[in-house]
Protein backbone atom coordinates (compact mmCIF):
# COMPACT_ATOMS: atom_id res chain seq x y z
CA MET A 1 -18.96 -22.54 -27.25
CA THR A 2 -15.51 -21.43 -25.99
CA GLN A 3 -15.12 -21.87 -22.33
CA ILE A 4 -13.59 -19.02 -20.25
CA THR A 5 -10.74 -20.35 -18.18
CA PRO A 6 -8.33 -18.75 -15.69
CA GLN A 7 -4.62 -18.77 -16.04
CA PRO A 8 -2.76 -21.95 -15.05
CA GLY A 9 -2.34 -22.34 -11.27
CA ILE A 10 -5.00 -19.90 -10.15
CA MET A 11 -7.62 -22.40 -9.36
CA ASP A 12 -5.05 -24.25 -7.26
CA ILE A 13 -4.91 -21.39 -4.88
CA ALA A 14 -6.65 -21.87 -1.50
CA LEU A 15 -8.15 -18.67 -0.30
CA TYR A 16 -6.12 -16.96 2.57
CA VAL A 17 -7.94 -16.95 5.90
CA SER A 18 -6.98 -14.11 8.23
CA GLY A 19 -6.99 -14.31 12.01
CA GLU A 20 -10.36 -13.95 13.69
CA SER A 21 -11.32 -10.71 15.40
CA SER A 22 -14.65 -11.49 17.15
CA LEU A 23 -16.16 -14.08 19.52
CA ALA A 24 -19.90 -14.56 19.93
CA GLY A 25 -20.90 -13.80 23.55
CA HIS A 26 -17.74 -11.88 24.44
CA ASP A 27 -17.53 -8.13 24.62
CA ARG A 28 -13.90 -7.95 25.81
CA VAL A 29 -12.17 -10.07 23.16
CA LEU A 30 -8.41 -10.13 23.41
CA LYS A 31 -7.27 -10.52 19.78
CA LEU A 32 -3.91 -12.23 19.70
CA SER A 33 -4.20 -13.93 16.33
CA SER A 34 -2.74 -11.46 13.81
CA ASN A 35 0.49 -10.23 15.41
CA GLU A 36 -0.72 -6.70 15.79
CA ASN A 37 0.90 -4.11 17.91
CA PRO A 38 -0.79 -4.02 21.33
CA LEU A 39 -0.02 -0.38 21.63
CA GLY A 40 -1.48 0.58 18.36
CA CYS A 41 0.37 3.10 16.26
CA SER A 42 2.34 6.21 16.94
CA ASP A 43 0.23 9.31 17.93
CA LYS A 44 2.19 11.26 15.38
CA ALA A 45 0.98 8.79 12.68
CA ARG A 46 -2.64 9.30 13.84
CA VAL A 47 -2.15 13.08 13.59
CA ALA A 48 -0.61 12.82 10.07
CA PHE A 49 -3.39 10.49 8.93
CA ALA A 50 -6.09 12.86 10.07
CA ALA A 51 -4.45 15.90 8.49
CA ALA A 52 -4.38 14.08 5.20
CA GLY A 53 -8.11 14.06 5.23
CA ALA A 54 -8.17 17.71 4.10
CA ASP A 55 -6.78 16.64 0.71
CA LEU A 56 -8.71 13.56 -0.15
CA HIS A 57 -9.55 15.03 -3.57
CA ARG A 58 -5.87 15.14 -4.52
CA TYR A 59 -4.10 12.40 -6.30
CA PRO A 60 -1.15 11.08 -4.43
CA SER A 61 2.43 11.31 -5.71
CA THR A 62 3.44 8.44 -8.04
CA ASP A 63 7.03 8.16 -6.81
CA HIS A 64 6.49 7.92 -3.07
CA ALA A 65 9.46 10.33 -2.73
CA GLY A 66 8.69 11.59 0.72
CA LEU A 67 8.07 8.09 2.30
CA ARG A 68 11.13 6.58 0.49
CA GLY A 69 13.16 9.48 1.81
CA ALA A 70 12.02 8.98 5.40
CA ILE A 71 12.67 5.18 5.26
CA GLY A 72 16.16 5.88 3.72
CA GLU A 73 16.99 8.47 6.41
CA VAL A 74 15.90 6.31 9.37
CA HIS A 75 17.48 3.10 8.11
CA GLY A 76 20.52 4.59 6.30
CA LEU A 77 19.43 3.38 2.79
CA ASP A 78 19.54 4.78 -0.64
CA PRO A 79 15.86 6.01 -1.31
CA ASP A 80 16.27 5.25 -5.02
CA ARG A 81 16.66 1.59 -4.25
CA ILE A 82 13.34 1.47 -2.16
CA ILE A 83 9.96 0.53 -3.55
CA CYS A 84 6.70 0.87 -1.61
CA GLY A 85 3.65 -1.26 -1.92
CA VAL A 86 0.26 -2.03 -0.43
CA GLY A 87 1.76 -3.97 2.45
CA SER A 88 4.96 -6.00 1.86
CA ASP A 89 2.63 -8.57 0.25
CA GLU A 90 2.34 -6.40 -2.88
CA VAL A 91 6.05 -6.06 -3.10
CA LEU A 92 6.34 -9.81 -2.92
CA GLN A 93 3.70 -10.01 -5.68
CA PHE A 94 5.76 -7.54 -7.86
CA ILE A 95 8.81 -9.85 -7.42
CA THR A 96 6.94 -12.96 -8.38
CA GLN A 97 5.31 -11.40 -11.39
CA SER A 98 8.56 -10.01 -12.57
CA TYR A 99 10.85 -13.02 -12.16
CA ALA A 100 8.73 -16.15 -12.36
CA GLY A 101 6.17 -17.72 -14.75
CA VAL A 102 4.70 -20.89 -16.10
CA GLY A 103 7.12 -23.83 -15.85
CA ASP A 104 9.37 -22.13 -13.19
CA GLN A 105 9.81 -23.20 -9.59
CA ILE A 106 9.71 -21.16 -6.49
CA ILE A 107 11.13 -22.55 -3.22
CA THR A 108 9.38 -22.15 0.05
CA THR A 109 9.99 -23.86 3.46
CA GLN A 110 7.88 -26.36 5.42
CA HIS A 111 6.36 -23.88 7.86
CA GLY A 112 6.76 -20.72 5.71
CA PHE A 113 4.32 -17.92 5.33
CA SER A 114 1.23 -19.27 3.46
CA MET A 115 1.27 -16.40 0.92
CA TYR A 116 4.44 -17.76 -0.83
CA PRO A 117 2.79 -20.79 -2.51
CA ILE A 118 -0.18 -18.56 -3.42
CA LEU A 119 2.16 -16.07 -5.15
CA ALA A 120 3.81 -19.04 -7.07
CA ARG A 121 0.51 -20.33 -8.34
CA MET A 122 -0.66 -16.79 -9.19
CA VAL A 123 1.92 -16.71 -12.01
CA GLY A 124 1.62 -20.41 -13.01
CA ALA A 125 4.93 -21.40 -11.24
CA GLN A 126 5.33 -24.56 -9.24
CA PRO A 127 5.85 -24.07 -5.38
CA VAL A 128 8.44 -26.42 -4.03
CA THR A 129 8.22 -26.83 -0.33
CA VAL A 130 11.46 -28.04 1.46
CA PRO A 131 11.66 -29.49 4.98
CA GLU A 132 12.67 -27.44 8.00
CA THR A 133 14.73 -28.81 10.93
CA GLU A 134 12.99 -28.39 14.34
CA ARG A 135 10.93 -25.54 12.95
CA ARG A 136 13.92 -23.66 11.58
CA ILE A 137 14.86 -22.99 8.02
CA ASP A 138 17.36 -25.57 6.79
CA VAL A 139 19.88 -24.02 4.40
CA GLU A 140 20.98 -27.32 3.06
CA ALA A 141 17.44 -28.49 2.30
CA ILE A 142 16.93 -25.32 0.22
CA LEU A 143 20.14 -25.68 -1.76
CA ALA A 144 19.37 -29.35 -2.44
CA ALA A 145 16.06 -28.28 -4.01
CA VAL A 146 17.51 -25.75 -6.42
CA THR A 147 17.28 -26.75 -10.10
CA ASP A 148 17.66 -24.96 -13.42
CA ARG A 149 13.93 -24.10 -13.18
CA THR A 150 14.33 -22.36 -9.77
CA ARG A 151 13.67 -18.62 -9.99
CA ILE A 152 12.91 -17.46 -6.42
CA VAL A 153 13.57 -18.60 -2.90
CA PHE A 154 11.29 -17.16 -0.32
CA ILE A 155 12.27 -16.97 3.42
CA ALA A 156 10.67 -15.17 6.26
CA ASN A 157 13.40 -14.25 8.76
CA PRO A 158 12.31 -14.10 11.62
CA ALA A 159 9.95 -16.78 10.47
CA ASN A 160 6.20 -16.80 10.63
CA PRO A 161 4.58 -18.73 12.39
CA THR A 162 7.67 -20.24 14.20
CA GLY A 163 9.41 -17.17 15.32
CA THR A 164 12.83 -18.69 14.75
CA MET A 165 15.52 -17.10 12.61
CA LEU A 166 18.68 -17.67 10.64
CA GLY A 167 21.75 -15.86 11.78
CA GLU A 168 23.91 -13.68 9.38
CA ASP A 169 26.44 -16.42 8.76
CA GLU A 170 23.81 -18.87 7.62
CA LEU A 171 22.17 -16.31 5.49
CA GLN A 172 25.45 -15.48 3.87
CA ARG A 173 26.10 -19.17 3.17
CA LEU A 174 22.72 -19.47 1.55
CA VAL A 175 23.33 -16.49 -0.74
CA ASP A 176 26.90 -17.58 -1.59
CA SER A 177 25.72 -21.00 -2.69
CA LEU A 178 22.58 -19.96 -4.74
CA PRO A 179 23.18 -19.84 -8.52
CA ASN A 180 23.07 -16.36 -10.08
CA HIS A 181 19.68 -17.14 -11.82
CA VAL A 182 17.95 -17.44 -8.38
CA ILE A 183 16.69 -14.40 -6.42
CA LEU A 184 16.61 -14.74 -2.68
CA VAL A 185 13.62 -12.89 -1.11
CA HIS A 186 14.28 -12.04 2.46
CA ASP A 187 10.92 -11.25 4.07
CA GLY A 188 11.72 -9.23 7.24
CA ALA A 189 8.30 -8.31 8.48
CA TYR A 190 9.43 -8.91 12.01
CA THR A 191 12.97 -7.49 11.79
CA GLU A 192 12.46 -4.78 14.37
CA PHE A 193 11.74 -7.39 17.01
CA ALA A 194 15.05 -9.23 16.43
CA GLY A 195 17.33 -6.99 18.41
CA GLY A 196 19.88 -5.28 16.18
CA PHE A 197 19.31 -7.41 13.01
CA ASP A 198 19.60 -5.33 9.77
CA GLY A 199 16.81 -7.31 8.00
CA GLY A 200 19.11 -8.28 5.07
CA VAL A 201 20.44 -4.87 4.21
CA SER A 202 24.05 -5.99 4.19
CA LEU A 203 23.14 -8.99 1.89
CA VAL A 204 21.34 -6.62 -0.54
CA ASP A 205 24.24 -4.32 -0.62
CA ARG A 206 26.69 -7.09 -1.54
CA HIS A 207 24.53 -9.23 -3.84
CA PRO A 208 22.55 -8.40 -7.01
CA ASN A 209 20.14 -11.30 -6.51
CA VAL A 210 18.80 -10.49 -3.05
CA ILE A 211 15.66 -8.51 -2.22
CA MET A 212 14.52 -7.57 1.34
CA THR A 213 11.03 -6.56 2.25
CA ARG A 214 9.68 -4.80 5.35
CA THR A 215 6.17 -3.75 6.58
CA PHE A 216 4.53 -1.03 8.54
CA SER A 217 1.88 -3.51 9.78
CA LYS A 218 3.82 -4.91 12.79
CA ILE A 219 5.87 -2.78 15.03
CA HIS A 220 4.55 0.47 13.44
CA GLY A 221 0.98 -0.61 14.14
CA LEU A 222 -0.42 0.39 10.69
CA GLY A 223 -1.83 -2.98 9.67
CA GLY A 224 -5.17 -1.35 8.73
CA LEU A 225 -3.44 0.90 6.17
CA ARG A 226 -1.57 -1.72 4.30
CA ILE A 227 1.91 -0.21 3.67
CA GLY A 228 5.13 -2.06 2.96
CA TRP A 229 8.46 -1.64 1.19
CA GLY A 230 11.38 -3.40 -0.46
CA TYR A 231 15.03 -2.80 -0.90
CA ALA A 232 17.30 -4.17 -3.61
CA GLN A 233 19.88 -3.24 -6.31
CA ARG A 234 18.83 -0.42 -8.49
CA ASP A 235 18.31 -2.71 -11.52
CA ILE A 236 15.71 -4.88 -9.72
CA ILE A 237 13.86 -1.86 -8.27
CA ASP A 238 13.66 -0.52 -11.87
CA VAL A 239 12.02 -3.71 -12.98
CA LEU A 240 9.55 -3.75 -10.09
CA ASN A 241 8.49 -0.23 -10.71
CA ARG A 242 7.48 -1.01 -14.21
CA ILE A 243 4.61 -3.18 -13.05
CA ARG A 244 3.71 -1.21 -9.94
CA GLN A 245 0.58 0.87 -10.45
CA PRO A 246 1.44 4.58 -10.17
CA PHE A 247 -1.11 5.38 -7.57
CA ASN A 248 -0.90 2.23 -5.42
CA LEU A 249 -0.49 4.31 -2.13
CA SER A 250 -2.80 7.08 -1.07
CA ASN A 251 -1.66 10.39 0.50
CA ALA A 252 -3.10 9.38 3.81
CA GLN A 253 -1.19 6.01 3.74
CA MET A 254 2.12 7.78 2.99
CA ALA A 255 1.62 10.50 5.53
CA ALA A 256 0.92 8.12 8.34
CA ALA A 257 3.76 5.79 7.31
CA GLU A 258 6.28 8.62 7.17
CA ALA A 259 5.25 10.01 10.52
CA ALA A 260 5.35 6.46 11.98
CA ILE A 261 8.84 5.56 10.76
CA ARG A 262 10.25 8.90 11.96
CA ASP A 263 8.82 8.28 15.45
CA THR A 264 11.81 6.22 16.47
CA GLU A 265 11.21 6.76 20.18
CA PHE A 266 7.78 5.03 19.87
CA THR A 267 9.28 2.23 17.79
CA ALA A 268 11.98 1.60 20.46
CA HIS A 269 9.30 1.61 23.25
CA CYS A 270 7.33 -1.06 21.39
CA ALA A 271 10.36 -3.17 20.81
CA ASP A 272 11.36 -2.95 24.48
CA LEU A 273 7.84 -3.92 25.66
CA ASN A 274 7.85 -6.89 23.24
CA ASP A 275 11.25 -8.06 24.50
CA ARG A 276 10.04 -8.14 28.07
CA MET A 277 6.64 -9.69 27.49
CA ARG A 278 7.99 -12.23 25.00
CA ALA A 279 10.58 -13.47 27.47
CA ARG A 280 7.98 -13.69 30.24
CA MET A 281 5.47 -15.51 27.86
CA ARG A 282 8.18 -18.04 26.83
CA ASP A 283 9.54 -18.69 30.32
CA SER A 284 6.05 -19.11 31.74
CA LEU A 285 4.87 -21.54 28.89
CA ILE A 286 7.95 -23.72 29.44
CA GLN A 287 7.32 -23.82 33.23
CA MET A 288 3.81 -25.03 32.49
CA GLY A 289 5.18 -27.81 30.37
CA ILE A 290 4.26 -26.20 27.00
CA GLY A 291 7.11 -26.33 24.41
CA CYS A 292 8.25 -22.89 23.11
CA ASP A 293 11.20 -22.18 20.94
CA HIS A 294 13.13 -18.96 21.39
CA SER A 295 11.15 -16.39 19.31
CA PHE A 296 12.72 -13.28 17.43
CA ALA A 297 9.28 -12.02 16.53
CA ASN A 298 6.20 -10.39 18.24
CA PHE A 299 4.61 -13.75 18.93
CA VAL A 300 5.48 -17.13 20.42
CA LEU A 301 4.61 -20.67 19.09
CA ALA A 302 3.17 -22.71 22.01
CA ARG A 303 3.63 -26.39 21.23
CA PHE A 304 1.40 -28.82 22.97
CA SER A 305 1.71 -32.62 23.33
CA ASP A 306 -0.61 -33.34 20.41
CA PRO A 307 -3.26 -31.80 18.12
CA ASP A 308 -5.98 -32.66 20.57
CA GLN A 309 -4.40 -30.86 23.42
CA ALA A 310 -3.78 -27.78 21.18
CA GLU A 311 -7.43 -27.80 20.19
CA ALA A 312 -8.49 -28.07 23.82
CA ALA A 313 -6.15 -25.25 24.82
CA ASP A 314 -7.53 -23.06 21.95
CA ALA A 315 -11.07 -23.90 23.25
CA ALA A 316 -10.12 -22.80 26.73
CA LEU A 317 -8.69 -19.53 25.46
CA ARG A 318 -11.74 -18.81 23.43
CA ALA A 319 -13.97 -19.50 26.48
CA ASP A 320 -12.05 -16.78 28.18
CA GLY A 321 -12.47 -14.34 25.20
CA ILE A 322 -8.96 -14.76 23.88
CA LEU A 323 -8.30 -15.32 20.15
CA VAL A 324 -5.01 -16.97 19.10
CA ARG A 325 -4.06 -18.52 15.80
CA ARG A 326 -4.35 -22.28 15.00
CA VAL A 327 -1.42 -23.17 12.62
CA GLY A 328 -2.42 -26.63 11.41
CA GLY A 329 -2.31 -25.12 7.97
CA TYR A 330 1.30 -24.41 8.42
CA GLY A 331 2.05 -28.00 9.25
CA LEU A 332 1.96 -27.40 12.98
CA PRO A 333 -1.33 -28.98 14.13
CA ALA A 334 -0.19 -29.36 17.75
CA ALA A 335 0.72 -25.66 18.15
CA LEU A 336 -0.97 -22.30 18.67
CA ARG A 337 0.68 -18.94 17.59
CA ILE A 338 0.09 -16.34 20.30
CA THR A 339 0.72 -12.62 19.64
CA VAL A 340 2.73 -11.07 22.44
CA GLY A 341 0.41 -8.49 23.92
CA ASP A 342 0.79 -5.87 26.65
CA GLU A 343 1.22 -6.80 30.20
CA GLN A 344 -2.45 -7.15 30.95
CA GLY A 345 -2.97 -9.19 27.71
CA CYS A 346 -0.04 -11.53 28.74
CA ASN A 347 -1.47 -11.97 32.19
CA ARG A 348 -4.80 -13.08 30.73
CA VAL A 349 -3.19 -15.66 28.39
CA LEU A 350 -0.91 -17.13 31.05
CA ASP A 351 -3.60 -17.31 33.69
CA CYS A 352 -5.93 -19.18 31.27
CA LEU A 353 -3.26 -21.56 30.03
CA GLY A 354 -1.99 -22.11 33.56
CA ARG A 355 -5.47 -23.21 34.62
CA PHE A 356 -5.78 -25.33 31.63
CA MET A 357 -2.51 -27.20 32.12
CA ALA A 358 -3.31 -27.63 35.82
CA ASP A 359 -6.69 -29.15 35.04
CA ARG A 360 -5.02 -31.52 32.59
CA ARG A 361 -2.56 -32.74 35.27
CA ASP A 362 -5.28 -33.19 37.80
CA ALA A 363 -7.62 -35.03 35.39
């Protein structure tokens, strides 16, 4: 009897585990495990989403013209070079399916987003993980790993879960040094928190082998709707659109996203709150004796003395009804990734960790 078997690489995929959202015995759980916007989404996005409910029987547009136009208008981009997906994850999947396959290699970095190796294995490609230097992407390590089989290099910048980022000079050096057969995917999910960074737009405009992606899940607060987008040269976007399902986004998704991206006042308010609370979080953690790199995202990476201390700190936070993210799976077993919340949320985290560290010193 012929046995049914999946494609190469699929059974090597470990299932993705999202951040927890509930704690037994706690009614007031503070969820800081998924890098969600503590202010939620724009009121204008809520109104647009509700209004879309009147037309749930209608098929959505297949070209996403309204949403692409809004993205282009706000960011100064050519809408014809934008593709929209079910979260930026789907755009990353389009790229992988279009440009890599069995026998190819895809480069990721030591503490990079866990979806990258999954995407590689999904198409039967080999994920090649290169080391980082003090939790920061190492351009030389990436370049040293490139071979004739390399098809894609994935980087998150700012990076998840470290919060560190490469500056424009280092990004340019990376692109200039990559061979023409290699695509650089610049995953900019946290771009809006990086203070003036263009998310890779200038690289895309100068190079035919660079793709940048963005999301509505973070600063725009629409994680529950799953909307993302990518920007590249027209030839690449044409390829990606050939495998995109025509109705991948609903009218409600597109209406909410268009309203959200046009509400630039709300976006600026969220970025300002994050800047202030992130600086406070980092300064306070360092004063407590907890290591913390400068973060360019909407979270901080709290580094403890060893994995046991990180586990104990996580237990203390959970006892107080606070959920953060353990990042041992990212090669950081002595660290916790903590979403930057609003002022009240930051107070709860810092009070808890302050007591925890004080108890450790007194023990």
